[in-house]
């Protein structure tokens, strides 16, 4: 049976996007956005200021009110600047990404002009092996990156005694998820397990592959629950209406460098730090028909910056383009980094490509890509 590509009636999110509910043909992200006018944002800001008051004891003891997990990107920069303006003193914690780009390095250094930054870099040899395991096993080269993002800041919190963390937006609110998850205030252990993007692959599953040991995986293991007792991780997007365009402009004004990382991207301000993100996005398109451009364009349709028809034209042009270059790094450098040949990548592409979905869409732009990596 051929799977039809059905999309949200308001934006362009496909029904094939994982964990996304639709009500009468409308995706949960559009439903959440429409409800923003019903939210008492002043009351939520008051909640945030109460957190600041409560965290002053922590600041007196540690020098900081909170931790901001950061990539140095637009959202991280916006978070840090906003919290500073409100009177918080954040400690910025960067879990070094899989293959840091030159512009990513510059933006991490730029954000360090505003707040103290701690960078934690897990063993790079192990990380490269994990990238390959993620790509081969669940079709996601960025699997270890998300483990690090949702683990290392908590480790720093337990070590420093700083008990409040601020992540950015709630992804289920911004991009869609199961109904009832869009108003989450806290990033809990349960949220991390359900929505952290681990795709059923656990840290312990990597042990024994490519010589990886249990000690190698300690950087990716969440601290024991007893160690994180009293530590709260909040979504800053719960307290303020999340706006990626505004965040990008705030970051630009504060020195963040921006460039469109890939021909498959619509925005020039997102995911500039990791050269492997191009393959991550491409495999998302292969599996679900949901490319980075579709996600970005759908946000702008909700905001009224684009019409749905304009968005359709854009994603027909951009979605599914293979990322030969990403943020100045060539795909050959990515493959060399994880010791993977083009032929092996071709086999992985063929294995994860949703042929029913693409048959339904009559996509032809994947054919030369598959030929190139199958020869």
Protein backbone atom coordinates (compact mmCIF):
# COMPACT_ATOMS: atom_id res chain seq x y z
CA UNK A 1 0.00 0.00 0.00
CA UNK A 2 1.28 3.46 -0.87
CA UNK A 3 1.49 5.94 1.99
CA UNK A 4 -0.04 9.27 0.99
CA UNK A 5 1.76 12.48 1.97
CA UNK A 6 -0.90 14.40 3.90
CA UNK A 7 0.00 17.77 5.37
CA UNK A 8 -1.44 20.10 7.96
CA UNK A 9 -4.26 22.26 6.58
CA UNK A 10 -2.66 25.40 8.00
CA UNK A 11 1.10 24.82 7.70
CA UNK A 12 3.03 22.12 5.84
CA UNK A 13 3.88 19.65 8.60
CA UNK A 14 3.27 16.14 7.23
CA UNK A 15 1.29 13.53 9.12
CA UNK A 16 4.37 11.30 8.82
CA UNK A 17 6.28 13.50 11.32
CA UNK A 18 6.83 11.38 14.46
CA UNK A 19 4.91 12.12 17.67
CA UNK A 20 2.77 14.80 16.03
CA UNK A 21 -0.98 14.72 16.55
CA UNK A 22 -3.52 16.18 14.14
CA UNK A 23 -7.03 17.37 15.00
CA UNK A 24 -9.39 17.81 12.05
CA UNK A 25 -6.37 18.01 9.76
CA UNK A 26 -4.52 20.64 11.81
CA UNK A 27 -1.19 19.79 13.46
CA UNK A 28 -0.63 20.26 17.18
CA UNK A 29 1.98 22.98 16.55
CA UNK A 30 -0.57 25.16 14.74
CA UNK A 31 -3.14 24.48 17.47
CA UNK A 32 -0.60 25.52 20.14
CA UNK A 33 0.35 28.67 18.26
CA UNK A 34 -3.29 29.72 17.91
CA UNK A 35 -3.68 29.43 21.70
CA UNK A 36 -0.89 31.89 22.45
CA UNK A 37 -3.36 34.76 22.65
CA UNK A 38 -5.08 32.95 25.52
CA UNK A 39 -1.88 32.75 27.58
CA UNK A 40 -1.29 35.20 30.43
CA UNK A 41 2.30 36.03 29.57
CA UNK A 42 2.55 38.64 32.34
CA UNK A 43 1.73 35.96 34.90
CA UNK A 44 4.33 33.66 33.43
CA UNK A 45 6.96 36.39 33.54
CA UNK A 46 6.09 36.86 37.21
CA UNK A 47 6.74 33.14 37.70
CA UNK A 48 10.14 33.60 36.08
CA UNK A 49 11.00 36.56 38.31
CA UNK A 50 10.04 34.48 41.34
CA UNK A 51 12.58 31.91 40.14
CA UNK A 52 15.18 34.66 40.01
CA UNK A 53 14.41 35.67 43.57
CA UNK A 54 14.60 32.06 44.71
CA UNK A 55 17.93 31.53 42.93
CA UNK A 56 19.68 34.42 44.66
CA UNK A 57 20.82 32.08 47.43
CA UNK A 58 22.42 29.86 44.79
CA UNK A 59 24.11 32.91 43.27
CA UNK A 60 25.49 33.93 46.66
CA UNK A 61 26.91 30.43 47.10
CA UNK A 62 28.13 29.64 43.57
CA UNK A 63 28.30 32.96 41.75
CA UNK A 64 25.50 31.97 39.35
CA UNK A 65 21.71 31.84 39.37
CA UNK A 66 21.31 29.23 36.66
CA UNK A 67 22.85 27.20 33.84
CA UNK A 68 22.08 27.76 30.17
CA UNK A 69 22.92 24.74 27.98
CA UNK A 70 24.26 26.35 24.83
CA UNK A 71 25.52 25.76 21.31
CA UNK A 72 26.40 29.42 20.83
CA UNK A 73 23.53 29.71 18.35
CA UNK A 74 20.64 32.13 18.00
CA UNK A 75 18.45 30.58 20.70
CA UNK A 76 21.30 30.16 23.17
CA UNK A 77 22.39 33.76 22.64
CA UNK A 78 18.83 35.02 23.06
CA UNK A 79 18.44 33.00 26.26
CA UNK A 80 21.62 34.35 27.78
CA UNK A 81 20.94 37.99 26.82
CA UNK A 82 17.35 37.79 28.06
CA UNK A 83 18.33 36.25 31.40
CA UNK A 84 21.08 38.82 31.88
CA UNK A 85 18.61 41.64 31.18
CA UNK A 86 16.26 40.19 33.82
CA UNK A 87 19.01 40.15 36.43
CA UNK A 88 20.09 36.51 36.30
CA UNK A 89 23.76 35.55 36.16
CA UNK A 90 23.89 32.43 33.99
CA UNK A 91 26.71 29.94 33.62
CA UNK A 92 26.82 28.86 29.98
CA UNK A 93 27.50 25.14 29.49
CA UNK A 94 28.44 23.91 26.04
CA UNK A 95 28.60 20.22 25.29
CA UNK A 96 31.03 20.19 22.38
CA UNK A 97 29.22 19.04 19.29
CA UNK A 98 30.14 16.21 16.96
CA UNK A 99 32.05 18.13 14.29
CA UNK A 100 32.30 21.80 15.20
CA UNK A 101 32.19 24.19 12.24
CA UNK A 102 34.37 27.31 11.96
CA UNK A 103 31.34 29.59 12.32
CA UNK A 104 30.18 27.54 15.29
CA UNK A 105 33.53 28.11 16.99
CA UNK A 106 33.28 31.85 16.41
CA UNK A 107 29.76 32.01 17.83
CA UNK A 108 30.65 30.07 20.98
CA UNK A 109 33.50 32.53 21.52
CA UNK A 110 31.17 35.45 20.84
CA UNK A 111 28.68 34.36 23.49
CA UNK A 112 31.54 33.99 25.98
CA UNK A 113 31.88 37.79 25.78
CA UNK A 114 28.63 38.03 27.73
CA UNK A 115 28.73 35.14 30.20
CA UNK A 116 31.18 32.67 31.67
CA UNK A 117 31.28 29.55 29.51
CA UNK A 118 32.24 25.99 30.38
CA UNK A 119 32.91 23.66 27.44
CA UNK A 120 32.85 19.91 28.01
CA UNK A 121 34.33 17.80 25.22
CA UNK A 122 33.78 14.05 25.47
CA UNK A 123 36.40 11.79 23.88
CA UNK A 124 36.33 12.67 20.18
CA UNK A 125 37.32 9.20 19.01
CA UNK A 126 34.44 7.66 20.93
CA UNK A 127 32.07 10.36 19.67
CA UNK A 128 32.89 9.59 16.04
CA UNK A 129 32.14 5.91 16.67
CA UNK A 130 28.82 6.88 18.28
CA UNK A 131 27.96 9.02 15.26
CA UNK A 132 28.43 6.01 13.04
CA UNK A 133 26.43 3.75 15.37
CA UNK A 134 23.57 6.25 15.41
CA UNK A 135 23.58 6.58 11.63
CA UNK A 136 23.71 2.85 10.97
CA UNK A 137 21.30 1.78 13.72
CA UNK A 138 18.54 4.42 13.80
CA UNK A 139 19.39 6.58 10.79
CA UNK A 140 20.51 9.54 12.90
CA UNK A 141 24.11 10.67 12.94
CA UNK A 142 23.26 13.24 15.65
CA UNK A 143 22.15 10.66 18.22
CA UNK A 144 25.17 11.18 20.52
CA UNK A 145 24.85 14.95 20.27
CA UNK A 146 21.39 14.88 21.84
CA UNK A 147 22.59 12.53 24.57
CA UNK A 148 25.29 15.06 25.42
CA UNK A 149 22.95 18.07 25.27
CA UNK A 150 20.52 16.47 27.71
CA UNK A 151 23.17 14.97 30.00
CA UNK A 152 26.28 17.13 30.38
CA UNK A 153 24.52 20.28 31.69
CA UNK A 154 22.93 18.16 34.43
CA UNK A 155 26.36 16.78 35.32
CA UNK A 156 27.70 20.32 35.66
CA UNK A 157 24.68 21.23 37.79
CA UNK A 158 25.41 18.38 40.21
CA UNK A 159 29.09 19.36 40.37
CA UNK A 160 28.52 23.10 40.91
CA UNK A 161 25.37 23.08 43.04
CA UNK A 162 23.54 25.30 40.56
CA UNK A 163 20.03 23.89 40.65
CA UNK A 164 18.17 25.72 37.85
CA UNK A 165 18.74 25.13 34.14
CA UNK A 166 17.11 26.98 31.25
CA UNK A 167 16.70 25.17 27.95
CA UNK A 168 15.07 27.02 25.05
CA UNK A 169 11.71 26.26 23.51
CA UNK A 170 9.47 23.32 24.24
CA UNK A 171 9.81 21.49 20.88
CA UNK A 172 6.31 20.03 21.16
CA UNK A 173 4.91 23.55 21.36
CA UNK A 174 7.04 24.96 18.55
CA UNK A 175 7.02 22.04 16.09
CA UNK A 176 4.28 19.68 17.26
CA UNK A 177 3.85 16.69 19.54
CA UNK A 178 1.26 14.64 21.38
CA UNK A 179 -1.67 16.73 22.60
CA UNK A 180 -1.06 17.74 26.21
CA UNK A 181 2.74 18.04 25.94
CA UNK A 182 2.80 21.53 24.45
CA UNK A 183 2.48 23.35 27.79
CA UNK A 184 5.33 21.58 29.57
CA UNK A 185 7.27 23.92 31.82
CA UNK A 186 9.99 21.50 32.90
CA UNK A 187 12.40 19.25 31.05
CA UNK A 188 12.00 16.21 33.28
CA UNK A 189 13.60 12.78 33.17
CA UNK A 190 10.41 11.47 31.60
CA UNK A 191 10.45 14.23 28.94
CA UNK A 192 14.09 13.45 28.20
CA UNK A 193 13.27 9.77 27.78
CA UNK A 194 10.22 10.36 25.56
CA UNK A 195 11.29 13.36 23.49
CA UNK A 196 15.07 13.57 23.77
CA UNK A 197 15.45 12.08 20.30
CA UNK A 198 17.19 8.87 21.36
CA UNK A 199 14.99 6.77 19.01
CA UNK A 200 15.05 3.77 21.32
CA UNK A 201 18.85 3.53 21.27
CA UNK A 202 20.25 3.66 24.81
CA UNK A 203 23.82 4.58 25.84
CA UNK A 204 24.46 1.02 27.03
CA UNK A 205 23.53 -0.31 23.57
CA UNK A 206 26.77 1.15 22.20
CA UNK A 207 28.99 -0.77 24.61
CA UNK A 208 30.97 -3.43 22.78
CA UNK A 209 30.57 -1.86 19.35
CA UNK A 210 33.80 -0.59 17.73
CA UNK A 211 35.57 -1.31 21.03
CA UNK A 212 33.46 1.13 23.08
CA UNK A 213 33.56 0.43 26.81
CA UNK A 214 31.25 1.21 29.72
CA UNK A 215 33.75 3.86 30.87
CA UNK A 216 33.58 5.49 27.43
CA UNK A 217 29.83 5.94 27.83
CA UNK A 218 29.89 7.59 31.25
CA UNK A 219 29.87 11.05 29.64
CA UNK A 220 26.49 10.21 28.11
CA UNK A 221 24.81 8.72 31.18
CA UNK A 222 22.42 10.86 33.18
CA UNK A 223 23.47 11.33 36.82
CA UNK A 224 21.61 9.11 39.26
CA UNK A 225 18.21 10.46 40.29
CA UNK A 226 19.43 10.97 43.85
CA UNK A 227 22.16 13.29 42.54
CA UNK A 228 19.71 15.44 40.57
CA UNK A 229 17.19 15.79 43.39
CA UNK A 230 16.22 19.47 43.60
CA UNK A 231 17.61 20.35 40.16
CA UNK A 232 14.99 21.93 37.89
CA UNK A 233 15.29 22.26 34.12
CA UNK A 234 12.89 24.84 32.66
CA UNK A 235 11.90 25.72 29.10
CA UNK A 236 12.41 29.46 28.72
CA UNK A 237 9.81 29.29 25.94
CA UNK A 238 7.20 28.57 28.59
CA UNK A 239 7.72 32.05 30.05
CA UNK A 240 7.99 34.04 26.79
CA UNK A 241 6.35 33.51 23.38
CA UNK A 242 9.04 31.73 21.38
CA UNK A 243 10.04 33.45 18.14
CA UNK A 244 13.00 32.10 16.19
CA UNK A 245 13.18 35.19 13.98
CA UNK A 246 13.31 37.52 16.97
CA UNK A 247 15.92 35.31 18.61
CA UNK A 248 18.06 35.46 15.48
CA UNK A 249 17.83 39.25 15.36
CA UNK A 250 18.75 39.60 19.05
CA UNK A 251 21.69 37.25 18.51
CA UNK A 252 22.80 39.15 15.40
CA UNK A 253 22.77 42.44 17.29
CA UNK A 254 24.98 40.84 19.92
CA UNK A 255 27.62 39.65 17.49
CA UNK A 256 26.47 36.19 16.40
CA UNK A 257 27.58 35.41 12.84
CA UNK A 258 24.92 33.92 10.60
CA UNK A 259 24.94 32.24 7.20
CA UNK A 260 22.65 29.74 5.51
CA UNK A 261 24.37 26.45 6.36
CA UNK A 262 23.00 24.36 3.50
CA UNK A 263 21.12 24.60 0.22
CA UNK A 264 18.39 22.56 1.95
CA UNK A 265 17.81 25.21 4.65
CA UNK A 266 15.47 28.20 4.49
CA UNK A 267 16.80 30.14 7.50
CA UNK A 268 20.34 31.46 7.72
CA UNK A 269 20.48 31.47 11.49
CA UNK A 270 19.84 27.91 12.68
CA UNK A 271 22.07 24.91 13.50
CA UNK A 272 25.35 26.44 12.41
CA UNK A 273 27.65 24.64 14.84
CA UNK A 274 27.61 20.99 13.80
CA UNK A 275 28.74 19.96 10.31
CA UNK A 276 26.87 16.65 10.71
CA UNK A 277 23.49 18.37 10.97
CA UNK A 278 23.14 18.27 7.19
CA UNK A 279 23.04 14.47 7.23
CA UNK A 280 20.77 14.50 10.28
CA UNK A 281 18.25 16.68 8.42
CA UNK A 282 18.59 14.69 5.20
CA UNK A 283 17.80 11.43 6.97
CA UNK A 284 14.80 13.05 8.61
CA UNK A 285 13.56 13.79 5.12
CA UNK A 286 14.39 10.27 3.92
CA UNK A 287 12.43 8.65 6.74
CA UNK A 288 9.52 11.03 7.22
CA UNK A 289 9.37 13.40 4.25
CA UNK A 290 10.03 16.20 6.76
CA UNK A 291 13.02 18.38 5.91
CA UNK A 292 14.54 21.29 7.76
CA UNK A 293 13.06 23.75 5.27
CA UNK A 294 9.58 22.36 5.93
CA UNK A 295 10.01 22.90 9.68
CA UNK A 296 11.27 26.45 9.21
CA UNK A 297 8.70 27.42 6.58
CA UNK A 298 5.87 26.02 8.71
CA UNK A 299 6.90 28.30 11.58
CA UNK A 300 6.72 31.32 9.27
CA UNK A 301 3.32 30.29 7.92
CA UNK A 302 1.96 30.17 11.49
CA UNK A 303 3.37 33.64 12.10
CA UNK A 304 1.77 35.00 8.94
CA UNK A 305 5.12 35.79 7.31
CA UNK A 306 4.43 33.36 4.44
CA UNK A 307 1.28 32.02 2.84
CA UNK A 308 0.82 28.28 2.63
CA UNK A 309 1.13 28.43 -1.17
CA UNK A 310 4.43 30.32 -0.89
CA UNK A 311 5.63 27.69 1.57
CA UNK A 312 4.76 24.86 -0.82
CA UNK A 313 6.89 26.46 -3.53
CA UNK A 314 9.81 26.81 -1.13
CA UNK A 315 9.80 23.26 0.18
CA UNK A 316 9.40 21.83 -3.32
CA UNK A 317 12.66 23.59 -4.12
CA UNK A 318 14.62 22.94 -0.91
CA UNK A 319 13.39 19.82 0.87
CA UNK A 320 15.42 16.72 0.09
CA UNK A 321 18.48 18.39 -1.44
CA UNK A 322 21.55 16.41 -0.44
CA UNK A 323 23.93 18.49 1.78
CA UNK A 324 27.23 18.28 -0.08
CA UNK A 325 28.34 21.28 1.98
CA UNK A 326 27.15 22.22 5.44
CA UNK A 327 28.32 25.42 7.15
CA UNK A 328 31.50 25.35 5.07
CA UNK A 329 32.33 21.68 5.66
CA UNK A 330 32.16 19.18 2.78
CA UNK A 331 30.35 15.87 3.15
CA UNK A 332 33.61 14.03 2.41
CA UNK A 333 35.09 15.49 5.61
CA UNK A 334 32.07 14.29 7.59
CA UNK A 335 32.38 10.77 6.20
CA UNK A 336 36.13 10.71 6.80
CA UNK A 337 35.54 11.80 10.40
CA UNK A 338 33.36 8.75 11.12
CA UNK A 339 35.39 6.36 8.90
CA UNK A 340 32.48 5.76 6.52
CA UNK A 341 32.84 5.39 2.74
CA UNK A 342 30.47 6.91 0.19
CA UNK A 343 29.45 3.40 -0.82
CA UNK A 344 28.55 2.54 2.77
CA UNK A 345 26.56 5.75 3.10
CA UNK A 346 24.70 4.82 -0.07
CA UNK A 347 23.66 1.53 1.48
CA UNK A 348 22.44 3.27 4.63
CA UNK A 349 20.48 5.79 2.54
CA UNK A 350 18.82 2.99 0.60
CA UNK A 351 17.94 1.17 3.81
CA UNK A 352 16.30 4.13 5.56
CA UNK A 353 14.61 5.76 2.56
CA UNK A 354 10.82 5.54 2.92
CA UNK A 355 10.09 4.34 -0.63
CA UNK A 356 6.34 4.26 -0.15
CA UNK A 357 6.33 7.85 0.99
CA UNK A 358 8.47 9.05 -1.88
CA UNK A 359 6.53 7.02 -4.43
CA UNK A 360 3.45 8.87 -3.26
CA UNK A 361 5.20 12.23 -3.68
CA UNK A 362 6.78 11.29 -7.03
CA UNK A 363 10.03 12.77 -5.84
CA UNK A 364 12.75 12.52 -8.48
CA UNK A 365 15.55 14.52 -6.87
CA UNK A 366 16.71 11.56 -4.75
CA UNK A 367 17.50 9.38 -7.75
CA UNK A 368 20.86 10.95 -8.72
CA UNK A 369 21.84 11.00 -5.05
CA UNK A 370 21.14 7.30 -4.66
CA UNK A 371 23.00 6.56 -7.89
CA UNK A 372 25.99 8.59 -6.74
CA UNK A 373 26.28 6.71 -3.47
CA UNK A 374 25.48 3.30 -4.88
CA UNK A 375 28.15 3.17 -7.56
